[in-house]
């Protein structure tokens, strides 16, 4: 069980990190668009 849980945890963490970075990028883009306007 533990051996299966560890890779899943790593994948989950990577997915969370990518989702967070995507949110940050979209927020930055939105801020840039509002400043340009």
PDB file of N, CA and C in Angstrom:
ATOM      1  N   UNK A   1       0.834  -1.202   0.000  1.00  0.00           N
ATOM      2  CA  UNK A   1       0.000   0.000   0.000  1.00  0.00           C
ATOM      3  C   UNK A   1       0.871   1.255   0.000  1.00  0.00           C
ATOM      4  N   UNK A   2       1.869   1.272   0.880  1.00  0.00           N
ATOM      5  CA  UNK A   2       2.738   2.448   0.984  1.00  0.00           C
ATOM      6  C   UNK A   2       3.528   2.663  -0.311  1.00  0.00           C
ATOM      7  N   UNK A   3       3.972   1.558  -0.911  1.00  0.00           N
ATOM      8  CA  UNK A   3       4.762   1.660  -2.146  1.00  0.00           C
ATOM      9  C   UNK A   3       3.917   2.280  -3.267  1.00  0.00           C
ATOM     10  N   UNK A   4       2.638   2.023  -3.250  1.00  0.00           N
ATOM     11  CA  UNK A   4       1.751   2.581  -4.271  1.00  0.00           C
ATOM     12  C   UNK A   4       1.407   4.034  -3.932  1.00  0.00           C
ATOM     13  N   UNK A   5       1.345   4.328  -2.652  1.00  0.00           N
ATOM     14  CA  UNK A   5       0.935   5.656  -2.200  1.00  0.00           C
ATOM     15  C   UNK A   5       2.003   6.722  -2.497  1.00  0.00           C
ATOM     16  N   UNK A   6       3.277   6.342  -2.398  1.00  0.00           N
ATOM     17  CA  UNK A   6       4.335   7.339  -2.571  1.00  0.00           C
ATOM     18  C   UNK A   6       4.364   7.951  -3.983  1.00  0.00           C
ATOM     19  N   UNK A   7       4.387   7.153  -5.070  1.00  0.00           N
ATOM     20  CA  UNK A   7       4.392   7.757  -6.411  1.00  0.00           C
ATOM     21  C   UNK A   7       3.133   8.587  -6.653  1.00  0.00           C
ATOM     22  N   UNK A   8       2.016   8.146  -6.112  1.00  0.00           N
ATOM     23  CA  UNK A   8       0.763   8.875  -6.271  1.00  0.00           C
ATOM     24  C   UNK A   8       0.878  10.244  -5.594  1.00  0.00           C
ATOM     25  N   UNK A   9       1.515  10.241  -4.421  1.00  0.00           N
ATOM     26  CA  UNK A   9       1.724  11.483  -3.684  1.00  0.00           C
ATOM     27  C   UNK A   9       2.596  12.441  -4.495  1.00  0.00           C
ATOM     28  N   UNK A  10       3.653  11.909  -5.103  1.00  0.00           N
ATOM     29  CA  UNK A  10       4.558  12.732  -5.919  1.00  0.00           C
ATOM     30  C   UNK A  10       3.809  13.313  -7.120  1.00  0.00           C
ATOM     31  N   UNK A  11       3.012  12.477  -7.764  1.00  0.00           N
ATOM     32  CA  UNK A  11       2.236  12.935  -8.930  1.00  0.00           C
ATOM     33  C   UNK A  11       1.237  14.004  -8.503  1.00  0.00           C
ATOM     34  N   UNK A  12       0.584  13.774  -7.354  1.00  0.00           N
ATOM     35  CA  UNK A  12      -0.408  14.719  -6.857  1.00  0.00           C
ATOM     36  C   UNK A  12       0.254  16.067  -6.558  1.00  0.00           C
ATOM     37  N   UNK A  13       1.428  16.002  -5.921  1.00  0.00           N
ATOM     38  CA  UNK A  13       2.154  17.228  -5.579  1.00  0.00           C
ATOM     39  C   UNK A  13       2.547  17.982  -6.851  1.00  0.00           C
ATOM     40  N   UNK A  14       3.022  17.247  -7.860  1.00  0.00           N
ATOM     41  CA  UNK A  14       3.409  17.875  -9.119  1.00  0.00           C
ATOM     42  C   UNK A  14       2.214  18.524  -9.801  1.00  0.00           C
ATOM     43  N   UNK A  15       1.064  17.839  -9.742  1.00  0.00           N
ATOM     44  CA  UNK A  15      -0.151  18.376 -10.347  1.00  0.00           C
ATOM     45  C   UNK A  15      -0.583  19.651  -9.625  1.00  0.00           C
ATOM     46  N   UNK A  16      -0.518  19.618  -8.298  1.00  0.00           N
ATOM     47  CA  UNK A  16      -0.883  20.799  -7.512  1.00  0.00           C
ATOM     48  C   UNK A  16       0.035  21.971  -7.848  1.00  0.00           C
ATOM     49  N   UNK A  17       1.327  21.677  -7.941  1.00  0.00           N
ATOM     50  CA  UNK A  17       2.298  22.738  -8.234  1.00  0.00           C
ATOM     51  C   UNK A  17       2.036  23.338  -9.613  1.00  0.00           C
ATOM     52  N   UNK A  18       1.747  22.484 -10.596  1.00  0.00           N
ATOM     53  CA  UNK A  18       1.495  22.986 -11.942  1.00  0.00           C
ATOM     54  C   UNK A  18       0.198  23.794 -11.986  1.00  0.00           C
ATOM     55  N   UNK A  19      -0.809  23.344 -11.233  1.00  0.00           N
ATOM     56  CA  UNK A  19      -2.077  24.074 -11.186  1.00  0.00           C
ATOM     57  C   UNK A  19      -1.880  25.444 -10.550  1.00  0.00           C
ATOM     58  N   UNK A  20      -1.090  25.483  -9.468  1.00  0.00           N
ATOM     59  CA  UNK A  20      -0.817  26.753  -8.775  1.00  0.00           C
ATOM     60  C   UNK A  20      -0.039  27.695  -9.686  1.00  0.00           C
ATOM     61  N   UNK A  21       0.962  27.168 -10.388  1.00  0.00           N
ATOM     62  CA  UNK A  21       1.760  28.015 -11.284  1.00  0.00           C
ATOM     63  C   UNK A  21       0.888  28.535 -12.430  1.00  0.00           C
ATOM     64  N   UNK A  22      -0.039  27.695 -12.903  1.00  0.00           N
ATOM     65  CA  UNK A  22      -0.952  28.124 -13.964  1.00  0.00           C
ATOM     66  C   UNK A  22      -1.854  29.254 -13.482  1.00  0.00           C
ATOM     67  N   UNK A  23      -2.334  29.138 -12.247  1.00  0.00           N
ATOM     68  CA  UNK A  23      -3.176  30.194 -11.673  1.00  0.00           C
ATOM     69  C   UNK A  23      -2.385  31.487 -11.545  1.00  0.00           C
ATOM     70  N   UNK A  24      -1.146  31.375 -11.086  1.00  0.00           N
ATOM     71  CA  UNK A  24      -0.295  32.560 -10.938  1.00  0.00           C
ATOM     72  C   UNK A  24      -0.068  33.218 -12.296  1.00  0.00           C
ATOM     73  N   UNK A  25       0.179  32.398 -13.319  1.00  0.00           N
ATOM     74  CA  UNK A  25       0.414  32.943 -14.659  1.00  0.00           C
ATOM     75  C   UNK A  25      -0.822  33.657 -15.178  1.00  0.00           C
ATOM     76  N   UNK A  26      -1.994  33.064 -14.988  1.00  0.00           N
ATOM     77  CA  UNK A  26      -3.226  33.688 -15.481  1.00  0.00           C
ATOM     78  C   UNK A  26      -3.500  34.989 -14.736  1.00  0.00           C
ATOM     79  N   UNK A  27      -3.211  35.000 -13.412  1.00  0.00           N
ATOM     80  CA  UNK A  27      -3.407  36.224 -12.626  1.00  0.00           C
ATOM     81  C   UNK A  27      -2.465  37.323 -13.114  1.00  0.00           C
ATOM     82  N   UNK A  28      -1.234  36.944 -13.401  1.00  0.00           N
ATOM     83  CA  UNK A  28      -0.248  37.913 -13.892  1.00  0.00           C
ATOM     84  C   UNK A  28      -0.697  38.459 -15.251  1.00  0.00           C
ATOM     85  N   UNK A  29      -1.201  37.561 -16.116  1.00  0.00           N
ATOM     86  CA  UNK A  29      -1.652  37.966 -17.443  1.00  0.00           C
ATOM     87  C   UNK A  29      -2.837  38.920 -17.329  1.00  0.00           C
ATOM     88  N   UNK A  30      -3.764  38.598 -16.420  1.00  0.00           N
ATOM     89  CA  UNK A  30      -4.941  39.443 -16.228  1.00  0.00           C
ATOM     90  C   UNK A  30      -4.520  40.834 -15.730  1.00  0.00           C
ATOM     91  N   UNK A  31      -3.551  40.843 -14.812  1.00  0.00           N
ATOM     92  CA  UNK A  31      -3.064  42.116 -14.276  1.00  0.00           C
ATOM     93  C   UNK A  31      -2.408  42.940 -15.401  1.00  0.00           C
ATOM     94  N   UNK A  32      -1.641  42.251 -16.248  1.00  0.00           N
ATOM     95  CA  UNK A  32      -0.972  42.921 -17.365  1.00  0.00           C
ATOM     96  C   UNK A  32      -2.004  43.517 -18.326  1.00  0.00           C
ATOM     97  N   UNK A  33      -3.068  42.743 -18.603  1.00  0.00           N
ATOM     98  CA  UNK A  33      -4.125  43.210 -19.517  1.00  0.00           C
ATOM     99  C   UNK A  33      -4.827  44.425 -18.918  1.00  0.00           C
ATOM    100  N   UNK A  34      -5.132  44.377 -17.630  1.00  0.00           N
ATOM    101  CA  UNK A  34      -5.818  45.516 -16.990  1.00  0.00           C
ATOM    102  C   UNK A  34      -4.913  46.738 -16.965  1.00  0.00           C
ATOM    103  N   UNK A  35      -3.606  46.543 -16.795  1.00  0.00           N
ATOM    104  CA  UNK A  35      -2.690  47.689 -16.787  1.00  0.00           C
ATOM    105  C   UNK A  35      -2.565  48.259 -18.196  1.00  0.00           C
ATOM    106  N   UNK A  36      -2.545  47.397 -19.210  1.00  0.00           N
ATOM    107  CA  UNK A  36      -2.438  47.860 -20.596  1.00  0.00           C
ATOM    108  C   UNK A  36      -3.681  48.658 -20.991  1.00  0.00           C
ATOM    109  N   UNK A  37      -4.826  48.242 -20.501  1.00  0.00           N
ATOM    110  CA  UNK A  37      -6.079  48.946 -20.779  1.00  0.00           C
ATOM    111  C   UNK A  37      -6.103  50.241 -19.975  1.00  0.00           C
TER     112      UNK A  37
END
